[in-house]
Protein backbone atom coordinates (compact mmCIF):
# COMPACT_ATOMS: atom_id res chain seq x y z
CA UNK A 1 5.89 120.82 -26.26
CA UNK A 2 6.89 118.15 -23.65
CA UNK A 3 10.56 117.86 -22.66
CA UNK A 4 10.90 114.31 -24.05
CA UNK A 5 9.53 115.28 -27.50
CA UNK A 6 12.04 118.20 -27.63
CA UNK A 7 14.84 115.72 -26.90
CA UNK A 8 13.50 113.52 -29.62
CA UNK A 9 13.50 116.21 -32.24
CA UNK A 10 17.00 117.34 -31.25
CA UNK A 11 18.23 113.74 -31.48
CA UNK A 12 16.66 113.37 -34.99
CA UNK A 13 18.31 116.59 -36.05
CA UNK A 14 21.76 115.55 -34.74
CA UNK A 15 21.49 112.01 -36.11
CA UNK A 16 19.86 112.58 -39.52
CA UNK A 17 20.74 116.18 -40.25
CA UNK A 18 17.12 117.37 -40.75
CA UNK A 19 14.89 119.80 -38.85
CA UNK A 20 11.50 118.20 -38.15
CA UNK A 21 8.58 119.84 -36.48
CA UNK A 22 5.68 118.10 -34.72
CA UNK A 23 2.02 118.92 -34.17
CA UNK A 24 -0.50 117.11 -32.01
CA UNK A 25 -2.85 114.69 -33.69
CA UNK A 26 -6.19 116.35 -34.48
CA UNK A 27 -9.12 115.37 -32.26
CA UNK A 28 -11.08 114.05 -35.24
CA UNK A 29 -8.24 111.49 -35.74
CA UNK A 30 -7.82 110.73 -32.04
CA UNK A 31 -11.47 109.91 -31.69
CA UNK A 32 -10.87 106.90 -34.02
CA UNK A 33 -8.61 105.33 -31.46
CA UNK A 34 -9.58 103.16 -28.40
CA UNK A 35 -9.24 104.79 -25.01
CA UNK A 36 -6.44 102.54 -23.91
CA UNK A 37 -4.22 103.82 -26.75
CA UNK A 38 -4.79 107.37 -25.43
CA UNK A 39 -3.77 106.18 -22.02
CA UNK A 40 -0.69 104.53 -23.29
CA UNK A 41 0.71 107.10 -25.79
CA UNK A 42 0.93 110.79 -26.59
CA UNK A 43 0.53 111.09 -30.32
CA UNK A 44 2.23 113.71 -32.68
CA UNK A 45 2.47 114.10 -36.39
CA UNK A 46 5.69 114.96 -38.21
CA UNK A 47 7.45 114.66 -41.58
CA UNK A 48 10.65 112.79 -42.13
CA UNK A 49 12.17 112.95 -45.68
CA UNK A 50 8.83 113.90 -47.14
CA UNK A 51 7.03 111.03 -45.45
CA UNK A 52 4.33 111.72 -42.95
CA UNK A 53 4.59 109.65 -39.77
CA UNK A 54 3.09 109.47 -36.26
CA UNK A 55 5.44 109.71 -33.25
CA UNK A 56 3.84 107.72 -30.45
CA UNK A 57 5.48 108.77 -27.12
CA UNK A 58 5.12 106.01 -24.52
CA UNK A 59 3.87 107.57 -21.32
CA UNK A 60 5.30 104.83 -19.00
CA UNK A 61 8.38 103.06 -20.15
CA UNK A 62 8.26 100.83 -17.00
CA UNK A 63 5.03 99.25 -18.24
CA UNK A 64 6.41 98.32 -21.65
CA UNK A 65 4.99 95.10 -22.97
CA UNK A 66 6.37 94.14 -26.36
CA UNK A 67 3.40 91.98 -27.26
CA UNK A 68 0.87 94.72 -26.37
CA UNK A 69 2.98 97.43 -28.06
CA UNK A 70 3.11 95.44 -31.30
CA UNK A 71 -0.73 95.16 -31.31
CA UNK A 72 -1.24 98.80 -30.42
CA UNK A 73 1.13 100.13 -33.09
CA UNK A 74 -0.69 97.95 -35.63
CA UNK A 75 -3.99 99.38 -34.52
CA UNK A 76 -2.76 102.93 -34.87
CA UNK A 77 -1.36 102.19 -38.34
CA UNK A 78 -4.58 100.56 -39.43
CA UNK A 79 -6.94 103.29 -38.09
CA UNK A 80 -4.89 106.41 -38.91
CA UNK A 81 -3.28 105.04 -42.14
CA UNK A 82 0.13 106.28 -41.11
CA UNK A 83 3.48 104.78 -40.23
CA UNK A 84 4.21 104.82 -36.50
CA UNK A 85 7.46 105.38 -34.57
CA UNK A 86 7.51 104.70 -30.83
CA UNK A 87 9.35 107.23 -28.62
CA UNK A 88 10.98 105.71 -25.61
CA UNK A 89 13.03 107.08 -22.70
CA UNK A 90 14.48 104.46 -20.45
CA UNK A 91 14.16 100.89 -21.89
CA UNK A 92 16.34 97.92 -21.15
CA UNK A 93 18.59 96.63 -23.89
CA UNK A 94 16.79 93.27 -24.10
CA UNK A 95 13.42 95.01 -24.70
CA UNK A 96 14.96 97.16 -27.46
CA UNK A 97 16.29 93.97 -28.96
CA UNK A 98 12.68 92.53 -28.87
CA UNK A 99 11.36 95.67 -30.63
CA UNK A 100 13.93 95.14 -33.33
CA UNK A 101 13.02 91.44 -33.63
CA UNK A 102 9.41 92.53 -34.16
CA UNK A 103 10.38 95.18 -36.69
CA UNK A 104 8.75 98.00 -34.61
CA UNK A 105 10.09 101.50 -35.44
CA UNK A 106 11.36 103.34 -32.39
CA UNK A 107 13.49 106.20 -31.18
CA UNK A 108 15.32 106.33 -27.89
CA UNK A 109 16.81 109.88 -27.79
CA UNK A 110 20.52 109.91 -27.34
CA UNK A 111 20.88 106.07 -27.65
CA UNK A 112 19.22 104.52 -30.61
CA UNK A 113 17.14 105.21 -33.69
CA UNK A 114 15.56 102.27 -35.42
CA UNK A 115 13.07 102.89 -38.22
CA UNK A 116 13.09 100.07 -40.82
CA UNK A 117 9.86 101.31 -42.38
CA UNK A 118 11.46 104.64 -43.33
CA UNK A 119 15.23 104.73 -42.97
CA UNK A 120 16.66 101.42 -43.99
CA UNK A 121 19.24 103.04 -46.29
CA UNK A 122 20.15 105.61 -43.68
CA UNK A 123 20.95 102.85 -41.18
CA UNK A 124 23.53 101.71 -43.74
CA UNK A 125 24.98 105.25 -43.96
CA UNK A 126 25.36 105.74 -40.27
CA UNK A 127 27.03 102.48 -39.48
CA UNK A 128 30.81 102.64 -39.38
CA UNK A 129 32.26 100.37 -42.14
CA UNK A 130 34.27 98.39 -39.59
CA UNK A 131 31.22 97.88 -37.35
CA UNK A 132 29.15 96.92 -40.39
CA UNK A 133 31.71 94.24 -41.28
CA UNK A 134 31.39 92.83 -37.79
CA UNK A 135 27.58 92.63 -37.99
CA UNK A 136 27.71 88.93 -38.74
CA UNK A 137 26.40 86.12 -36.60
CA UNK A 138 28.58 83.91 -34.42
CA UNK A 139 29.64 80.53 -35.64
CA UNK A 140 27.40 77.85 -33.94
CA UNK A 141 30.51 76.57 -32.10
CA UNK A 142 31.30 80.05 -30.85
CA UNK A 143 27.74 80.52 -29.68
CA UNK A 144 27.98 77.13 -27.95
CA UNK A 145 31.12 78.41 -26.01
CA UNK A 146 29.41 81.64 -25.10
CA UNK A 147 26.29 79.94 -23.76
CA UNK A 148 28.40 77.35 -21.95
CA UNK A 149 30.36 80.07 -20.26
CA UNK A 150 27.23 81.82 -19.04
CA UNK A 151 25.32 78.83 -17.73
CA UNK A 152 28.27 76.97 -16.21
CA UNK A 153 29.83 79.92 -14.46
CA UNK A 154 29.17 78.44 -11.03
CA UNK A 155 30.26 74.86 -11.89
CA UNK A 156 33.58 73.33 -11.00
CA UNK A 157 34.80 72.87 -14.60
CA UNK A 158 35.26 76.33 -16.19
CA UNK A 159 36.25 77.20 -19.75
CA UNK A 160 38.72 79.88 -18.71
CA UNK A 161 40.76 77.49 -16.56
CA UNK A 162 41.60 75.03 -19.37
CA UNK A 163 43.71 75.33 -22.55
CA UNK A 164 42.12 74.96 -25.99
CA UNK A 165 43.00 71.30 -26.35
CA UNK A 166 41.27 70.33 -23.07
CA UNK A 167 38.21 72.39 -24.02
CA UNK A 168 37.90 70.51 -27.26
CA UNK A 169 38.19 67.10 -25.56
CA UNK A 170 35.73 68.11 -22.87
CA UNK A 171 33.05 69.43 -25.23
CA UNK A 172 33.34 67.01 -28.11
CA UNK A 173 34.92 69.29 -30.65
CA UNK A 174 38.15 69.02 -32.62
CA UNK A 175 41.05 71.26 -31.69
CA UNK A 176 40.65 73.13 -34.94
CA UNK A 177 36.95 73.76 -34.38
CA UNK A 178 37.62 75.24 -30.91
CA UNK A 179 40.40 77.38 -32.30
CA UNK A 180 38.01 78.64 -35.06
CA UNK A 181 35.20 79.23 -32.46
CA UNK A 182 37.53 81.28 -30.17
CA UNK A 183 38.89 83.27 -33.12
CA UNK A 184 35.29 84.09 -34.02
CA UNK A 185 34.51 85.28 -30.48
CA UNK A 186 37.75 87.30 -30.50
CA UNK A 187 36.86 88.85 -33.84
CA UNK A 188 33.61 90.07 -32.33
CA UNK A 189 35.52 91.46 -29.26
CA UNK A 190 33.83 89.18 -26.78
CA UNK A 191 37.03 87.36 -25.63
CA UNK A 192 40.77 87.75 -25.29
CA UNK A 193 43.32 85.02 -25.67
CA UNK A 194 46.22 84.60 -23.27
CA UNK A 195 49.19 82.31 -23.11
CA UNK A 196 52.04 81.03 -25.27
CA UNK A 197 52.30 77.32 -26.14
CA UNK A 198 49.07 76.66 -24.20
CA UNK A 199 46.39 79.30 -24.87
CA UNK A 200 43.50 80.22 -22.63
CA UNK A 201 40.31 82.04 -23.37
CA UNK A 202 39.21 85.10 -21.27
CA UNK A 203 35.74 86.46 -21.65
CA UNK A 204 35.49 90.23 -21.57
CA UNK A 205 32.11 90.28 -19.84
CA UNK A 206 30.17 88.40 -17.21
CA UNK A 207 26.96 86.46 -17.80
CA UNK A 208 24.13 88.91 -18.27
CA UNK A 209 26.28 91.56 -19.86
CA UNK A 210 27.88 89.08 -22.26
CA UNK A 211 24.41 87.89 -23.36
CA UNK A 212 23.05 91.43 -23.78
CA UNK A 213 26.04 92.52 -25.83
CA UNK A 214 25.77 89.56 -28.19
CA UNK A 215 22.03 90.16 -28.49
CA UNK A 216 22.44 93.92 -29.24
CA UNK A 217 24.89 93.18 -32.00
CA UNK A 218 22.58 90.52 -33.57
CA UNK A 219 25.27 87.93 -33.22
CA UNK A 220 23.14 85.05 -31.95
CA UNK A 221 21.56 82.39 -34.24
CA UNK A 222 18.68 80.00 -33.98
CA UNK A 223 20.27 76.65 -33.06
CA UNK A 224 17.76 74.69 -35.11
CA UNK A 225 18.59 73.65 -38.68
CA UNK A 226 15.23 72.03 -39.35
CA UNK A 227 12.48 70.04 -37.68
CA UNK A 228 11.70 66.50 -38.80
CA UNK A 229 8.66 64.54 -37.59
CA UNK A 230 8.73 60.89 -36.88
CA UNK A 231 6.28 58.23 -35.66
CA UNK A 232 8.65 56.67 -33.11
CA UNK A 233 11.30 58.12 -30.83
CA UNK A 234 14.75 56.84 -31.83
CA UNK A 235 15.61 53.79 -29.68
CA UNK A 236 18.43 53.70 -27.10
CA UNK A 237 19.01 57.38 -27.44
CA UNK A 238 18.65 59.98 -24.71
CA UNK A 239 17.27 63.30 -25.99
CA UNK A 240 16.41 66.51 -24.26
CA UNK A 241 12.95 68.02 -24.62
CA UNK A 242 12.91 71.35 -26.56
CA UNK A 243 10.48 74.00 -27.85
CA UNK A 244 7.05 73.90 -26.12
CA UNK A 245 8.00 70.65 -24.45
CA UNK A 246 10.80 72.47 -22.62
CA UNK A 247 9.17 75.86 -21.97
CA UNK A 248 7.10 74.56 -19.02
CA UNK A 249 10.38 73.89 -17.18
CA UNK A 250 11.31 77.63 -17.25
CA UNK A 251 7.88 79.33 -17.57
CA UNK A 252 4.23 79.06 -16.74
CA UNK A 253 3.39 77.67 -20.14
CA UNK A 254 1.55 74.36 -20.32
CA UNK A 255 3.17 71.59 -22.43
CA UNK A 256 1.88 71.23 -25.97
CA UNK A 257 0.38 68.03 -27.46
CA UNK A 258 3.26 67.84 -29.87
CA UNK A 259 6.34 66.42 -28.14
CA UNK A 260 9.61 68.05 -29.23
CA UNK A 261 13.23 66.82 -28.78
CA UNK A 262 16.59 68.38 -29.69
CA UNK A 263 19.06 66.19 -31.52
CA UNK A 264 22.61 67.17 -32.60
CA UNK A 265 23.00 67.20 -36.43
CA UNK A 266 25.63 64.49 -36.73
CA UNK A 267 23.50 62.09 -34.57
CA UNK A 268 20.45 62.85 -36.69
CA UNK A 269 22.20 62.26 -40.03
CA UNK A 270 23.70 59.02 -38.73
CA UNK A 271 20.21 57.84 -37.84
CA UNK A 272 18.99 58.95 -41.24
CA UNK A 273 21.69 57.13 -43.10
CA UNK A 274 21.04 53.90 -41.23
CA UNK A 275 17.25 54.14 -41.83
CA UNK A 276 16.63 54.19 -38.14
CA UNK A 277 13.96 56.88 -38.29
CA UNK A 278 10.34 55.75 -38.62
CA UNK A 279 8.45 57.71 -41.27
CA UNK A 280 10.56 60.89 -41.23
CA UNK A 281 8.83 63.83 -42.85
CA UNK A 282 8.45 67.58 -42.72
CA UNK A 283 4.79 67.83 -41.68
CA UNK A 284 3.51 65.57 -38.84
CA UNK A 285 4.31 62.77 -36.50
CA UNK A 286 4.08 61.69 -32.89
CA UNK A 287 7.50 63.21 -32.16
CA UNK A 288 9.19 66.31 -33.55
CA UNK A 289 12.98 66.16 -33.80
CA UNK A 290 14.65 69.60 -33.90
CA UNK A 291 18.05 69.14 -35.62
CA UNK A 292 20.49 71.41 -33.75
CA UNK A 293 23.70 73.00 -35.02
CA UNK A 294 25.47 72.19 -31.82
CA UNK A 295 25.12 69.46 -29.17
CA UNK A 296 22.33 70.31 -26.67
CA UNK A 297 23.41 67.59 -24.26
CA UNK A 298 26.95 68.90 -23.91
CA UNK A 299 25.62 72.30 -22.93
CA UNK A 300 23.70 70.98 -19.88
CA UNK A 301 26.44 68.42 -18.79
CA UNK A 302 27.35 68.72 -15.12
CA UNK A 303 24.54 71.12 -14.33
CA UNK A 304 22.69 70.26 -11.13
CA UNK A 305 19.60 68.00 -11.12
CA UNK A 306 18.60 65.41 -13.69
CA UNK A 307 18.29 67.35 -16.92
CA UNK A 308 15.39 66.59 -19.26
CA UNK A 309 15.18 69.88 -21.18
CA UNK A 310 17.59 72.07 -23.19
CA UNK A 311 19.33 75.09 -21.72
CA UNK A 312 17.09 78.26 -21.37
CA UNK A 313 19.29 80.43 -23.61
CA UNK A 314 19.29 78.12 -26.59
CA UNK A 315 15.66 77.48 -25.98
CA UNK A 316 14.99 81.27 -26.06
CA UNK A 317 16.86 81.57 -29.42
CA UNK A 318 15.10 78.60 -30.88
CA UNK A 319 11.48 79.94 -30.32
CA UNK A 320 11.93 83.76 -30.26
CA UNK A 321 10.61 84.16 -33.74
CA UNK A 322 7.38 82.34 -33.03
CA UNK A 323 4.10 84.11 -33.79
CA UNK A 324 2.34 82.35 -30.87
CA UNK A 325 1.34 84.90 -28.18
CA UNK A 326 1.67 82.29 -25.40
CA UNK A 327 5.28 81.64 -26.43
CA UNK A 328 5.91 85.41 -26.65
CA UNK A 329 4.84 85.78 -23.03
CA UNK A 330 6.95 82.82 -22.03
CA UNK A 331 10.04 84.45 -23.57
CA UNK A 332 9.58 87.43 -21.27
CA UNK A 333 9.55 85.05 -18.30
CA UNK A 334 12.77 83.45 -19.44
CA UNK A 335 14.46 86.80 -19.68
CA UNK A 336 13.13 87.79 -16.25
CA UNK A 337 14.29 84.52 -14.57
CA UNK A 338 17.70 84.20 -16.22
CA UNK A 339 19.37 87.56 -16.17
CA UNK A 340 22.39 86.06 -14.43
């Protein structure tokens, strides 16, 4: 038996308290699979809690493509009529996050075991109660501050150099909203607070690490509340492109025919109350207005160049659940380009 599979079985035993054994998949079953699956995985059969599954050991972790892996796992499941668990060795945290987003079962010996098809209840058992309590998403205002910290780290005006009151004035929030946002970040152990009468925020991690930790803890939310289609763009209002209208700025994706814009929720509801929207509906229109939980314009304020699109991190969060393969590939490009 290969060294990695031995490590996998030992990890399952230590984590779940069971003693599984594995056997290679019979040739008659292997012959049902395309050659490229043989070239990508080593396949074994095992039993976990009286459920027969296939362990698919990835031969080359460096070549991991989430989009291709999702398709190949589905092929194995369809052809062999068994649940599939991917076995990985060295995979970056953001790729493990993507596997979780796609609902793909996987084991990374010594680091992580994620099998929603089989062990949903066990994931509850093995989570420390305090950690489980913290497994909540950030407030939109807290997420705004975190993203602002990451993308403005090289700009002259920095969050950590100003007290709470000045942060609120600068970013268009009330003092209470900023206090609540920072309390939320502190609760999730992403920041510390210093000072007496005037308090200052101190992030515990720098750009890429801060983003990855928030991603791993499932803290980040889609900034979009809903999408409303209109026949005319709101007059005398500057809006940033979003969705597939913004992706070409950061990736190789071509712009879509549908034109998307991000609009902050209070601005949108003011327009709606004053009947300033032309034929607003949930289905179709020349323009698509994505109603955001926080202000997309404030996030890109003071960044270099004339900004016409939303920031890359909020953009990533707004489209990451798309089923479009082109967008899926574009997401990989965003993560490659913006690892800060």
